[in-house]
Amino acid sequence: MALLRRAVASFLFAAVAATSFSQTPTAFMRMQKPSATKEDLQTLAREYTPAHGKGPVVWLVGVAHIGEEGYYKELQKLLDAQQVVLYEGVTRNGVDPAKAGDDKLAKSTYKALSDALKLQFQLFGIDYDHPSFHNADLSWDELQAIQKKYPPAKGGMSLSTIGSMLNADSSQGQMIVNALAAIKDDPSSIEAMHIGMIELLSDPTVIERTLSPSLNEVLIRSRNAKVLDALKKQLASNPNSVAIFFGAGHMANMEQHLIKDFGYKPGAEKWYTAIEGDNSKVTSPTGQMLLQSMRSMAKQKKIGG
């Protein structure tokens, strides 16, 4: 089937650019192997307390944008226990994606991906409708203005490229949707995709091989500056606790600032399993071919556009 729709649209354009808005692997994301054949993708929530004196507890809660239904239920418990939650969500035309209607969310490539892989999309898995939850992200217009200062290399992946991949109605989004249609009824291929996602997203080199330094500046550092400014304002009101709820790829840089600029120290950790895979369930020739193709692609020096 056209080499299984070109190995599921070139491994879903490198797992939608390493799950695009920066949910790339760091110390806040890992792969665990609970048995000889099983693999789990896990994300970390870490607690921070003031190194000197008193002050609110701060949690950095890394998240995967698609995962098991139970994964989001466990994260919800942690978030609901905090007095303030600063969350990720790039607004477009004033619309917060976490508050958008189901019809708008249904047009996201993440929704198509999660449905095909029998997983859940984060924006359906987390209940954001709480007065303690505050969007602390940049808008699409702000990101575009920042990218003008850090233009992508010729032929490289840009902000607009990622925006198109996230839109299931775009030509790139349709390629992903059509590729997913080729595997959605094959449990073996679905399991292969789980394993491919786990192995790609837990690879600590994937961010450098997928996103250019300029795009990394736009997608991670500039957005982190926004949420850290929001944190500073929240700390001034002395809440009991604050959670920063962003993609796991944001957290290494966020942690550096929290320690250096805010005077916090790391403490308790909680790991949450986002996606599970089992190699023994990849039994069909199609699933085995797909897994081999994804593993080969993941080894390439450059896996993004």
Foldseek 3Di string as FASTA:
>chain_A
DVLLLVLLLLLLQLCLLLLPLFLFADVQWAWDDPDPFKIFIKGKKWWKAFPDDHFAIEIEGADRQKFALVLLVVVQVVQVVFQAEAEEAAADPNDGVLPDDPVVVCQFLQCLVNLLLVIDGNSVSHNQPDPRYDHQFYYPVVLVVLCVVQPDDVVFDDPVNSVQSGGCPHPSNVSNNVSSVSPSVPNLQSLLSLVLSRVLRNDNCSNVQRDPPSVCCSSAVVGLVRVVVVVVVVRVVRGNYYYYYYNRRNVVVNVVCCCVVVNMDIDDMDMTTGTMHGNVSNPDPSSVSSNVSSVVLSPDSHSHD
